[in-house]
Amino acid sequence: MLPTPLHPAIVHFPIVLMVFLPIVAVVTLWVIRRGASPFRAWAVPVALAGALTLSAWASLATGESQEDAVSDAVGEAAVATHEEAAERFLALSGLVLVVMAGGLLRDRIGRALRIAATVAALALVAAGIQVGHSGGQLVYPEGAMRGIAGAGGMTGAGERTGGGDEAGGGEMNGTREQRRSEAKDRDD
């Protein structure tokens, strides 16, 4: 069974792939320098870049399906910032994929494109951080999750720390205003 909403589960794929891509590219450059076939070895980072682009597209598509509901809760400006960052990340990951694929060419051109693709993969991490940060701002506005985690909510390990709704350990559903009101009531 698929999780609902799907977007929070899907977004972790491009995050992981974005982190591993430059690492795999650097290791692959080293393996090629040690004598491996450039075409065979470089196919690994190309496949990883393809998976990254595909998962970035899936993340954007699932995010767009939840856009209206999230806009109602946090405002359109914050959602627009996140969506623009995600669209930029998708475009840049597609560009990295094209440059990575160019690294499959032989001789000097392929070698230059492999190095350029590795640098581009490193730069892509910055764009991914922007997407992740803006998404985190949508999920944890103004530290709203601190009240849940500190008063009977969830620990960092995902375990319940106690209490029912009165202790702040109830469902995490509802609007941001409801959560703020409940946190204020607990503080009083």
C-alpha atoms as a PDB file:
ATOM      1  CA  MET A   1       0.000   0.000   0.000  1.00  0.00           C
ATOM      2  CA  LEU A   2       1.307   3.448  -0.889  1.00  0.00           C
ATOM      3  CA  PRO A   3       1.655   6.095   1.807  1.00  0.00           C
ATOM      4  CA  THR A   4      -0.725   9.026   1.838  1.00  0.00           C
ATOM      5  CA  PRO A   5       0.319  11.686   1.079  1.00  0.00           C
ATOM      6  CA  LEU A   6       2.839  10.267  -1.363  1.00  0.00           C
ATOM      7  CA  HIS A   7       5.044  13.349  -1.803  1.00  0.00           C
ATOM      8  CA  PRO A   8       6.891  13.119   1.551  1.00  0.00           C
ATOM      9  CA  ALA A   9       7.875   9.521   0.788  1.00  0.00           C
ATOM     10  CA  ILE A  10       8.960  10.224  -2.804  1.00  0.00           C
ATOM     11  CA  VAL A  11      11.130  13.280  -2.054  1.00  0.00           C
ATOM     12  CA  HIS A  12      13.695  11.195  -0.229  1.00  0.00           C
ATOM     13  CA  PHE A  13      14.758   9.414  -3.433  1.00  0.00           C
ATOM     14  CA  PRO A  14      16.187  12.491  -5.184  1.00  0.00           C
ATOM     15  CA  ILE A  15      17.803  13.595  -1.912  1.00  0.00           C
ATOM     16  CA  VAL A  16      19.690  10.317  -1.553  1.00  0.00           C
ATOM     17  CA  LEU A  17      20.570  10.124  -5.248  1.00  0.00           C
ATOM     18  CA  MET A  18      21.723  13.758  -5.251  1.00  0.00           C
ATOM     19  CA  VAL A  19      24.158  12.997  -2.410  1.00  0.00           C
ATOM     20  CA  PHE A  20      25.469   9.759  -3.918  1.00  0.00           C
ATOM     21  CA  LEU A  21      25.857  11.000  -7.510  1.00  0.00           C
ATOM     22  CA  PRO A  22      28.981  13.152  -7.010  1.00  0.00           C
ATOM     23  CA  ILE A  23      30.532  10.491  -4.758  1.00  0.00           C
ATOM     24  CA  VAL A  24      29.952   7.773  -7.353  1.00  0.00           C
ATOM     25  CA  ALA A  25      31.220  10.077 -10.121  1.00  0.00           C
ATOM     26  CA  VAL A  26      34.475  10.801  -8.251  1.00  0.00           C
ATOM     27  CA  VAL A  27      35.010   7.105  -7.500  1.00  0.00           C
ATOM     28  CA  THR A  28      34.280   6.253 -11.129  1.00  0.00           C
ATOM     29  CA  LEU A  29      36.816   8.812 -12.352  1.00  0.00           C
ATOM     30  CA  TRP A  30      39.380   7.125 -10.096  1.00  0.00           C
ATOM     31  CA  VAL A  31      38.406   3.649 -11.384  1.00  0.00           C
ATOM     32  CA  ILE A  32      38.776   4.829 -14.982  1.00  0.00           C
ATOM     33  CA  ARG A  33      42.163   6.339 -14.176  1.00  0.00           C
ATOM     34  CA  ARG A  34      43.202   2.942 -12.771  1.00  0.00           C
ATOM     35  CA  GLY A  35      42.456   1.327 -16.146  1.00  0.00           C
ATOM     36  CA  ALA A  36      38.741   0.469 -16.266  1.00  0.00           C
ATOM     37  CA  SER A  37      36.834   0.870 -19.510  1.00  0.00           C
ATOM     38  CA  PRO A  38      35.485   4.456 -19.493  1.00  0.00           C
ATOM     39  CA  PHE A  39      32.272   3.446 -21.263  1.00  0.00           C
ATOM     40  CA  ARG A  40      31.434   0.606 -18.870  1.00  0.00           C
ATOM     41  CA  ALA A  41      32.495   2.391 -15.708  1.00  0.00           C
ATOM     42  CA  TRP A  42      30.858   5.719 -16.570  1.00  0.00           C
ATOM     43  CA  ALA A  43      27.552   3.970 -17.298  1.00  0.00           C
ATOM     44  CA  VAL A  44      27.024   3.711 -13.519  1.00  0.00           C
ATOM     45  CA  PRO A  45      26.931   7.472 -12.806  1.00  0.00           C
ATOM     46  CA  VAL A  46      24.889   7.991 -15.984  1.00  0.00           C
ATOM     47  CA  ALA A  47      22.280   5.507 -14.722  1.00  0.00           C
ATOM     48  CA  LEU A  48      22.325   7.168 -11.308  1.00  0.00           C
ATOM     49  CA  ALA A  49      21.826  10.597 -12.917  1.00  0.00           C
ATOM     50  CA  GLY A  50      18.892   9.157 -14.891  1.00  0.00           C
ATOM     51  CA  ALA A  51      17.328   7.794 -11.706  1.00  0.00           C
ATOM     52  CA  LEU A  52      17.873  11.181 -10.048  1.00  0.00           C
ATOM     53  CA  THR A  53      16.121  13.049 -12.848  1.00  0.00           C
ATOM     54  CA  LEU A  54      13.244  10.573 -12.864  1.00  0.00           C
ATOM     55  CA  SER A  55      12.808  10.770  -9.085  1.00  0.00           C
ATOM     56  CA  ALA A  56      12.993  14.589  -9.198  1.00  0.00           C
ATOM     57  CA  TRP A  57      10.194  14.566 -11.772  1.00  0.00           C
ATOM     58  CA  ALA A  58       8.121  12.180  -9.607  1.00  0.00           C
ATOM     59  CA  SER A  59       8.677  14.406  -6.583  1.00  0.00           C
ATOM     60  CA  LEU A  60       7.538  17.464  -8.501  1.00  0.00           C
ATOM     61  CA  ALA A  61       4.480  15.646  -9.853  1.00  0.00           C
ATOM     62  CA  THR A  62       3.389  14.360  -6.434  1.00  0.00           C
ATOM     63  CA  GLY A  63       4.013  17.784  -4.896  1.00  0.00           C
ATOM     64  CA  GLU A  64       1.832  19.478  -7.491  1.00  0.00           C
ATOM     65  CA  SER A  65      -1.001  17.087  -6.665  1.00  0.00           C
ATOM     66  CA  GLN A  66      -0.946  18.355  -3.056  1.00  0.00           C
ATOM     67  CA  GLU A  67      -0.337  22.014  -3.842  1.00  0.00           C
ATOM     68  CA  ASP A  68      -3.848  23.298  -3.091  1.00  0.00           C
ATOM     69  CA  ALA A  69      -4.131  21.598   0.287  1.00  0.00           C
ATOM     70  CA  VAL A  70      -0.714  22.813   1.400  1.00  0.00           C
ATOM     71  CA  SER A  71      -1.336  26.353   0.074  1.00  0.00           C
ATOM     72  CA  ASP A  72      -4.445  26.584   2.239  1.00  0.00           C
ATOM     73  CA  ALA A  73      -2.419  25.683   5.339  1.00  0.00           C
ATOM     74  CA  VAL A  74       0.807  27.670   4.818  1.00  0.00           C
ATOM     75  CA  GLY A  75       0.104  30.219   2.088  1.00  0.00           C
ATOM     76  CA  GLU A  76       0.752  30.372  -1.619  1.00  0.00           C
ATOM     77  CA  ALA A  77       4.047  32.288  -1.424  1.00  0.00           C
ATOM     78  CA  ALA A  78       5.833  29.564   0.554  1.00  0.00           C
ATOM     79  CA  VAL A  79       4.519  26.847  -1.736  1.00  0.00           C
ATOM     80  CA  ALA A  80       5.511  28.847  -4.826  1.00  0.00           C
ATOM     81  CA  THR A  81       9.064  29.255  -3.486  1.00  0.00           C
ATOM     82  CA  HIS A  82       9.340  25.505  -2.933  1.00  0.00           C
ATOM     83  CA  GLU A  83       7.815  24.668  -6.310  1.00  0.00           C
ATOM     84  CA  GLU A  84      10.172  27.041  -8.160  1.00  0.00           C
ATOM     85  CA  ALA A  85      13.165  25.521  -6.391  1.00  0.00           C
ATOM     86  CA  ALA A  86      11.913  22.029  -7.299  1.00  0.00           C
ATOM     87  CA  GLU A  87      11.424  22.988 -10.957  1.00  0.00           C
ATOM     88  CA  ARG A  88      14.939  24.457 -11.055  1.00  0.00           C
ATOM     89  CA  PHE A  89      16.328  21.278  -9.477  1.00  0.00           C
ATOM     90  CA  LEU A  90      14.541  19.120 -12.065  1.00  0.00           C
ATOM     91  CA  ALA A  91      15.912  21.215 -14.942  1.00  0.00           C
ATOM     92  CA  LEU A  92      19.433  21.147 -13.511  1.00  0.00           C
ATOM     93  CA  SER A  93      19.287  17.402 -12.860  1.00  0.00           C
ATOM     94  CA  GLY A  94      18.245  16.917 -16.492  1.00  0.00           C
ATOM     95  CA  LEU A  95      21.196  19.033 -17.599  1.00  0.00           C
ATOM     96  CA  VAL A  96      23.545  16.999 -15.381  1.00  0.00           C
ATOM     97  CA  LEU A  97      22.126  13.829 -16.973  1.00  0.00           C
ATOM     98  CA  VAL A  98      22.903  15.131 -20.476  1.00  0.00           C
ATOM     99  CA  VAL A  99      26.468  16.095 -19.516  1.00  0.00           C
ATOM    100  CA  MET A 100      26.908  12.740 -17.726  1.00  0.00           C
ATOM    101  CA  ALA A 101      25.747  10.925 -20.857  1.00  0.00           C
ATOM    102  CA  GLY A 102      28.262  12.930 -22.875  1.00  0.00           C
ATOM    103  CA  GLY A 103      30.930  11.425 -20.639  1.00  0.00           C
ATOM    104  CA  LEU A 104      30.323   8.123 -22.423  1.00  0.00           C
ATOM    105  CA  LEU A 105      32.104   9.542 -25.469  1.00  0.00           C
ATOM    106  CA  ARG A 106      35.675   8.501 -26.110  1.00  0.00           C
ATOM    107  CA  ASP A 107      38.943  10.400 -25.995  1.00  0.00           C
ATOM    108  CA  ARG A 108      39.348  13.990 -24.857  1.00  0.00           C
ATOM    109  CA  ILE A 109      35.742  15.063 -25.234  1.00  0.00           C
ATOM    110  CA  GLY A 110      34.449  12.222 -23.077  1.00  0.00           C
ATOM    111  CA  ARG A 111      37.144  12.830 -20.456  1.00  0.00           C
ATOM    112  CA  ALA A 112      36.342  16.555 -20.302  1.00  0.00           C
ATOM    113  CA  LEU A 113      32.615  15.867 -20.051  1.00  0.00           C
ATOM    114  CA  ARG A 114      33.167  13.320 -17.258  1.00  0.00           C
ATOM    115  CA  ILE A 115      35.032  15.931 -15.236  1.00  0.00           C
ATOM    116  CA  ALA A 116      32.446  18.614 -16.048  1.00  0.00           C
ATOM    117  CA  ALA A 117      29.619  16.249 -15.085  1.00  0.00           C
ATOM    118  CA  THR A 118      31.277  15.479 -11.756  1.00  0.00           C
ATOM    119  CA  VAL A 119      31.605  19.194 -10.975  1.00  0.00           C
ATOM    120  CA  ALA A 120      27.992  19.742 -12.089  1.00  0.00           C
ATOM    121  CA  ALA A 121      26.829  16.917  -9.823  1.00  0.00           C
ATOM    122  CA  LEU A 122      28.565  18.626  -6.901  1.00  0.00           C
ATOM    123  CA  ALA A 123      26.902  21.936  -7.803  1.00  0.00           C
ATOM    124  CA  LEU A 124      23.525  20.199  -8.038  1.00  0.00           C
ATOM    125  CA  VAL A 125      23.736  19.521  -4.303  1.00  0.00           C
ATOM    126  CA  ALA A 126      23.338  23.271  -3.680  1.00  0.00           C
ATOM    127  CA  ALA A 127      20.119  23.344  -5.708  1.00  0.00           C
ATOM    128  CA  GLY A 128      18.886  20.275  -3.828  1.00  0.00           C
ATOM    129  CA  ILE A 129      19.572  21.953  -0.498  1.00  0.00           C
ATOM    130  CA  GLN A 130      17.411  24.896  -1.586  1.00  0.00           C
ATOM    131  CA  VAL A 131      14.527  22.572  -2.422  1.00  0.00           C
ATOM    132  CA  GLY A 132      14.897  20.666   0.822  1.00  0.00           C
ATOM    133  CA  HIS A 133      15.116  23.821   2.904  1.00  0.00           C
ATOM    134  CA  SER A 134      12.032  25.384   1.371  1.00  0.00           C
ATOM    135  CA  GLY A 135      10.155  22.089   1.794  1.00  0.00           C
ATOM    136  CA  GLY A 136      11.253  21.901   5.405  1.00  0.00           C
ATOM    137  CA  GLN A 137       9.887  25.402   5.932  1.00  0.00           C
ATOM    138  CA  LEU A 138       6.506  24.161   4.722  1.00  0.00           C
ATOM    139  CA  VAL A 139       6.530  21.212   7.122  1.00  0.00           C
ATOM    140  CA  TYR A 140       8.067  22.863  10.172  1.00  0.00           C
ATOM    141  CA  PRO A 141       7.006  26.522  10.040  1.00  0.00           C
ATOM    142  CA  GLU A 142       8.370  28.591  12.868  1.00  0.00           C
ATOM    143  CA  GLY A 143       9.359  25.517  14.859  1.00  0.00           C
ATOM    144  CA  ALA A 144       5.800  24.199  15.086  1.00  0.00           C
ATOM    145  CA  MET A 145       7.019  20.626  15.526  1.00  0.00           C
ATOM    146  CA  ARG A 146       8.901  21.476  18.749  1.00  0.00           C
ATOM    147  CA  GLY A 147       5.665  21.426  20.735  1.00  0.00           C
ATOM    148  CA  ILE A 148       4.784  17.967  19.466  1.00  0.00           C
ATOM    149  CA  ALA A 149       8.255  16.501  19.970  1.00  0.00           C
ATOM    150  CA  GLY A 150       8.725  18.008  23.428  1.00  0.00           C
ATOM    151  CA  ALA A 151       5.315  17.327  24.962  1.00  0.00           C
ATOM    152  CA  GLY A 152       4.289  13.764  24.402  1.00  0.00           C
ATOM    153  CA  GLY A 153       4.915  13.612  20.665  1.00  0.00           C
ATOM    154  CA  MET A 154       7.603  11.705  18.814  1.00  0.00           C
ATOM    155  CA  THR A 155      11.263  11.258  19.680  1.00  0.00           C
ATOM    156  CA  GLY A 156      13.981  11.547  17.081  1.00  0.00           C
ATOM    157  CA  ALA A 157      13.826   7.742  16.810  1.00  0.00           C
ATOM    158  CA  GLY A 158      10.128   7.879  15.932  1.00  0.00           C
ATOM    159  CA  GLU A 159       8.930   6.533  19.270  1.00  0.00           C
ATOM    160  CA  ARG A 160       5.984   7.958  21.179  1.00  0.00           C
ATOM    161  CA  THR A 161       7.042   9.882  24.262  1.00  0.00           C
ATOM    162  CA  GLY A 162       3.676   9.557  25.989  1.00  0.00           C
ATOM    163  CA  GLY A 163       0.378  11.254  26.551  1.00  0.00           C
ATOM    164  CA  GLY A 164      -2.786  11.611  24.618  1.00  0.00           C
ATOM    165  CA  ASP A 165      -4.184  14.799  23.149  1.00  0.00           C
ATOM    166  CA  GLU A 166      -4.060  16.602  26.488  1.00  0.00           C
ATOM    167  CA  ALA A 167      -0.308  16.022  26.741  1.00  0.00           C
ATOM    168  CA  GLY A 168       0.310  17.066  23.163  1.00  0.00           C
ATOM    169  CA  GLY A 169       0.745  13.561  21.799  1.00  0.00           C
ATOM    170  CA  GLY A 170      -2.349  13.544  19.609  1.00  0.00           C
ATOM    171  CA  GLU A 171      -2.619  13.440  15.862  1.00  0.00           C
ATOM    172  CA  MET A 172      -0.471  15.794  13.826  1.00  0.00           C
ATOM    173  CA  ASN A 173      -3.382  16.695  11.574  1.00  0.00           C
ATOM    174  CA  GLY A 174      -5.153  20.017  11.457  1.00  0.00           C
ATOM    175  CA  THR A 175      -4.212  23.491  10.421  1.00  0.00           C
ATOM    176  CA  ARG A 176      -1.184  25.402  11.527  1.00  0.00           C
ATOM    177  CA  GLU A 177      -3.440  27.737  13.511  1.00  0.00           C
ATOM    178  CA  GLN A 178      -4.946  24.769  15.406  1.00  0.00           C
ATOM    179  CA  ARG A 179      -1.481  23.461  16.284  1.00  0.00           C
ATOM    180  CA  ARG A 180      -0.373  26.895  17.465  1.00  0.00           C
ATOM    181  CA  SER A 181      -3.499  27.251  19.581  1.00  0.00           C
ATOM    182  CA  GLU A 182      -2.948  23.838  21.147  1.00  0.00           C
ATOM    183  CA  ALA A 183       0.703  24.650  21.869  1.00  0.00           C
ATOM    184  CA  LYS A 184      -0.308  27.957  23.469  1.00  0.00           C
ATOM    185  CA  ASP A 185      -2.904  26.205  25.638  1.00  0.00           C
ATOM    186  CA  ARG A 186      -0.235  23.752  26.834  1.00  0.00           C
ATOM    187  CA  ASP A 187       2.142  26.621  27.673  1.00  0.00           C
ATOM    188  CA  ASP A 188      -0.524  28.433  29.733  1.00  0.00           C
END
